[in-house]
Amino acid sequence: PSRQIQPAAAAAAVKPKPAAAKPSEQKIAPAQLLKLAKSTFSLTGATVGKNGKYLLAGKPQQSSGRQAKIWEAYESDPNQPGIPSGYDGTNASISKVKRVTIKLSPDVDRMRLEEANYNKVQSGLFSGRFVSKIEYTPGVPSSDRNVDGKCTALVIEAGEYDLKALLSARKGMPLRGRALRDAAASAGQCIQAVHSSNLVWTDLKT
């Protein structure tokens, strides 16, 4: 007679199938992830910094320095060129991506002076209240041949919000009450921080 297999032995004899990955856990193909990243963050495809460290995004603002341009950018994933660090294609990962602001200019002397002034203000009366400088790189490498080795880059943290964005979000409605007082106090602190660093600025930016 055939020998009966005990329940426990039968369970061990049958190898369980791996659980199917949930939709949120499924890995997106590199080409599709790159396409999603470009669309989500408005990436231009150009990079600045050693090994394509920063991914330029959107359209640059023209600085008062005329030749200088101010870009929004994102730190690149060193293991996935062209993809912002922390982004995996899901909406939940967007908040993990680090956004920075990069000023690019061919005027080395002007940028050197601006970097020195920024250091003074950042470490002055209201230390810790302003966005931090991340790096300053003369002759910065870039995938854009018009920038590569020809421009100096000043990279700083991107603020969470500025006055221009706040007013835009209010769709023409003026600031009132506490919001108005906070904006005035912040502007006053900026002026005081500059003056206490023995500097006089010729314009105020939002």
Protein backbone atom coordinates (compact mmCIF):
# COMPACT_ATOMS: atom_id res chain seq x y z
CA PRO A 1 0.00 0.00 0.00
CA SER A 2 1.11 3.57 -0.69
CA ARG A 3 2.34 5.54 2.27
CA GLN A 4 0.14 8.49 3.26
CA ILE A 5 1.84 11.88 3.60
CA GLN A 6 1.17 13.63 6.87
CA PRO A 7 -0.34 17.16 6.65
CA ALA A 8 2.82 18.83 8.02
CA ALA A 9 5.04 16.98 5.56
CA ALA A 10 2.71 17.83 2.71
CA ALA A 11 2.92 21.52 3.57
CA ALA A 12 6.71 21.35 3.58
CA ALA A 13 6.77 19.49 0.29
CA VAL A 14 4.84 22.21 -1.52
CA LYS A 15 6.87 25.42 -1.97
CA PRO A 16 4.59 28.45 -1.50
CA LYS A 17 4.40 30.93 -4.37
CA PRO A 18 5.74 34.43 -3.62
CA ALA A 19 3.06 37.02 -2.99
CA ALA A 20 2.32 39.27 -5.95
CA ALA A 21 3.76 42.75 -5.60
CA LYS A 22 1.29 45.48 -4.83
CA PRO A 23 0.92 48.15 -7.53
CA SER A 24 2.78 50.70 -5.33
CA GLU A 25 5.67 48.25 -4.86
CA GLN A 26 6.15 47.38 -8.52
CA LYS A 27 9.38 48.81 -9.90
CA ILE A 28 9.01 51.21 -12.81
CA ALA A 29 11.23 50.65 -15.84
CA PRO A 30 14.14 53.16 -16.05
CA ALA A 31 12.92 54.72 -19.31
CA GLN A 32 9.41 55.19 -17.91
CA LEU A 33 10.77 56.59 -14.64
CA LEU A 34 12.87 59.13 -16.54
CA LYS A 35 9.83 60.19 -18.56
CA LEU A 36 7.76 60.57 -15.39
CA ALA A 37 10.50 62.58 -13.68
CA LYS A 38 10.83 65.00 -16.61
CA SER A 39 7.08 65.56 -16.67
CA THR A 40 6.62 65.83 -12.90
CA PHE A 41 9.51 68.21 -12.22
CA SER A 42 9.71 70.02 -15.60
CA LEU A 43 13.32 68.87 -16.06
CA THR A 44 15.16 70.45 -18.99
CA GLY A 45 17.61 67.59 -19.44
CA ALA A 46 20.57 69.85 -18.59
CA THR A 47 22.74 69.31 -15.51
CA VAL A 48 25.29 71.32 -13.56
CA GLY A 49 27.82 70.18 -11.00
CA LYS A 50 30.27 67.31 -10.88
CA ASN A 51 28.82 64.10 -12.34
CA GLY A 52 25.54 65.85 -13.17
CA LYS A 53 24.81 66.59 -9.49
CA TYR A 54 21.93 68.99 -10.12
CA LEU A 55 19.08 68.71 -12.64
CA LEU A 56 17.89 72.05 -14.02
CA ALA A 57 14.13 72.53 -14.21
CA GLY A 58 11.63 74.94 -15.73
CA LYS A 59 12.66 78.29 -17.15
CA PRO A 60 15.31 80.49 -15.51
CA GLN A 61 14.65 83.91 -14.04
CA GLN A 62 16.82 86.74 -15.28
CA SER A 63 18.84 88.16 -12.39
CA SER A 64 19.49 91.87 -11.87
CA GLY A 65 23.09 90.97 -12.78
CA ARG A 66 21.91 90.78 -16.42
CA GLN A 67 24.20 87.94 -17.43
CA ALA A 68 23.16 85.81 -14.46
CA LYS A 69 20.26 83.38 -14.48
CA ILE A 70 18.49 81.82 -11.52
CA TRP A 71 17.32 78.23 -11.91
CA GLU A 72 15.17 75.85 -9.95
CA ALA A 73 16.94 72.50 -9.73
CA TYR A 74 16.89 69.11 -8.03
CA GLU A 75 19.62 66.92 -6.61
CA SER A 76 20.21 63.96 -8.89
CA ASP A 77 20.23 60.34 -7.77
CA PRO A 78 23.87 59.20 -8.17
CA ASN A 79 22.69 55.70 -9.06
CA GLN A 80 20.06 56.82 -11.57
CA PRO A 81 21.29 59.66 -13.81
CA GLY A 82 18.57 62.13 -14.70
CA ILE A 83 16.29 61.13 -11.81
CA PRO A 84 15.82 63.41 -8.77
CA SER A 85 17.14 61.74 -5.62
CA GLY A 86 14.31 60.14 -3.62
CA TYR A 87 11.86 59.93 -6.53
CA ASP A 88 10.55 56.47 -7.44
CA GLY A 89 7.68 57.44 -9.72
CA THR A 90 4.99 57.57 -7.03
CA ASN A 91 3.18 60.66 -5.79
CA ALA A 92 4.24 59.82 -2.24
CA SER A 93 7.91 60.16 -3.15
CA ILE A 94 7.61 63.70 -4.58
CA SER A 95 7.88 65.27 -1.11
CA LYS A 96 11.18 63.44 -0.55
CA VAL A 97 12.88 65.18 -3.45
CA LYS A 98 15.24 68.02 -2.52
CA ARG A 99 14.75 71.23 -4.48
CA VAL A 100 17.50 73.86 -4.66
CA THR A 101 18.04 77.26 -6.26
CA ILE A 102 21.08 77.77 -8.50
CA LYS A 103 22.42 81.09 -9.72
CA LEU A 104 24.66 80.79 -12.78
CA SER A 105 26.78 83.65 -14.07
CA PRO A 106 29.87 84.12 -16.24
CA ASP A 107 30.84 87.14 -14.11
CA VAL A 108 33.32 85.50 -11.70
CA ASP A 109 34.16 88.67 -9.74
CA ARG A 110 30.54 89.59 -9.13
CA MET A 111 29.69 86.05 -8.03
CA ARG A 112 32.70 85.92 -5.70
CA LEU A 113 31.53 89.13 -4.02
CA GLU A 114 27.95 87.86 -3.77
CA GLU A 115 29.12 84.62 -2.16
CA ALA A 116 31.20 86.55 0.40
CA ASN A 117 28.25 88.83 1.21
CA TYR A 118 25.92 85.85 1.55
CA ASN A 119 28.30 84.30 4.06
CA LYS A 120 28.29 87.51 6.11
CA VAL A 121 24.51 87.78 6.24
CA GLN A 122 23.95 84.08 6.84
CA SER A 123 26.22 84.06 9.90
CA GLY A 124 25.13 87.45 11.20
CA LEU A 125 22.36 88.82 13.40
CA PHE A 126 19.65 86.33 12.37
CA SER A 127 21.81 83.24 11.94
CA GLY A 128 19.72 80.23 10.97
CA ARG A 129 16.75 82.27 9.75
CA PHE A 130 17.79 82.32 6.09
CA VAL A 131 18.16 79.56 3.54
CA SER A 132 21.59 77.93 3.67
CA LYS A 133 24.29 78.11 1.04
CA ILE A 134 25.03 74.59 -0.20
CA GLU A 135 28.01 75.22 -2.43
CA TYR A 136 29.87 77.76 -4.54
CA THR A 137 31.62 76.46 -7.67
CA PRO A 138 33.59 78.62 -10.14
CA GLY A 139 33.89 77.06 -13.60
CA VAL A 140 31.09 74.64 -12.79
CA PRO A 141 30.81 71.50 -14.98
CA SER A 142 27.63 71.24 -17.02
CA SER A 143 26.05 69.16 -19.76
CA ASP A 144 25.20 72.50 -21.43
CA ARG A 145 28.22 73.57 -23.48
CA ASN A 146 27.24 77.23 -23.05
CA VAL A 147 27.65 76.83 -19.29
CA ASP A 148 30.30 74.11 -18.93
CA GLY A 149 33.39 75.66 -17.35
CA LYS A 150 32.21 79.14 -18.31
CA CYS A 151 29.94 79.98 -15.37
CA THR A 152 30.13 80.16 -11.61
CA ALA A 153 27.36 78.43 -9.66
CA LEU A 154 25.97 79.55 -6.31
CA VAL A 155 23.70 76.82 -4.93
CA ILE A 156 21.37 77.57 -2.02
CA GLU A 157 18.39 75.90 -0.38
CA ALA A 158 15.06 76.63 -2.01
CA GLY A 159 12.70 78.40 0.36
CA GLU A 160 9.37 76.73 1.00
CA TYR A 161 7.48 79.89 0.10
CA ASP A 162 8.18 83.49 -0.88
CA LEU A 163 6.12 86.65 -0.95
CA LYS A 164 5.58 86.50 -4.71
CA ALA A 165 4.19 82.96 -4.49
CA LEU A 166 2.03 83.93 -1.51
CA LEU A 167 0.46 86.86 -3.34
CA SER A 168 -0.07 84.73 -6.45
CA ALA A 169 -1.87 82.07 -4.40
CA ARG A 170 -4.19 84.75 -2.99
CA LYS A 171 -5.26 85.67 -6.55
CA GLY A 172 -5.15 89.43 -6.10
CA MET A 173 -6.45 89.51 -2.53
CA PRO A 174 -4.27 91.77 -0.35
CA LEU A 175 -2.56 90.61 2.82
CA ARG A 176 -4.40 91.45 6.02
CA GLY A 177 -4.00 90.96 9.74
CA ARG A 178 -1.35 88.50 10.89
CA ALA A 179 -0.27 87.61 7.34
CA LEU A 180 0.52 91.27 6.64
CA ARG A 181 2.37 91.68 9.94
CA ASP A 182 4.44 88.52 9.31
CA ALA A 183 5.42 89.69 5.82
CA ALA A 184 6.42 93.14 7.12
CA ALA A 185 8.41 91.63 10.00
CA SER A 186 10.25 89.27 7.65
CA ALA A 187 11.14 92.09 5.27
CA GLY A 188 12.36 94.17 8.22
CA GLN A 189 14.53 91.32 9.47
CA CYS A 190 16.10 90.94 6.02
CA ILE A 191 17.00 94.63 5.91
CA GLN A 192 18.34 94.55 9.47
CA ALA A 193 20.41 91.42 8.74
CA VAL A 194 21.98 93.09 5.70
CA HIS A 195 22.72 96.37 7.49
CA SER A 196 24.11 94.65 10.59
CA SER A 197 26.59 92.90 8.26
CA ASN A 198 27.84 96.34 7.13
CA LEU A 199 26.19 95.95 3.73
CA VAL A 200 23.75 98.14 1.86
CA TRP A 201 21.59 96.43 -0.76
CA THR A 202 20.26 98.44 -3.69
CA ASP A 203 17.00 96.50 -4.07
CA LEU A 204 14.69 94.17 -2.17
CA LYS A 205 13.54 90.87 -3.64
CA THR A 206 10.52 88.82 -2.69
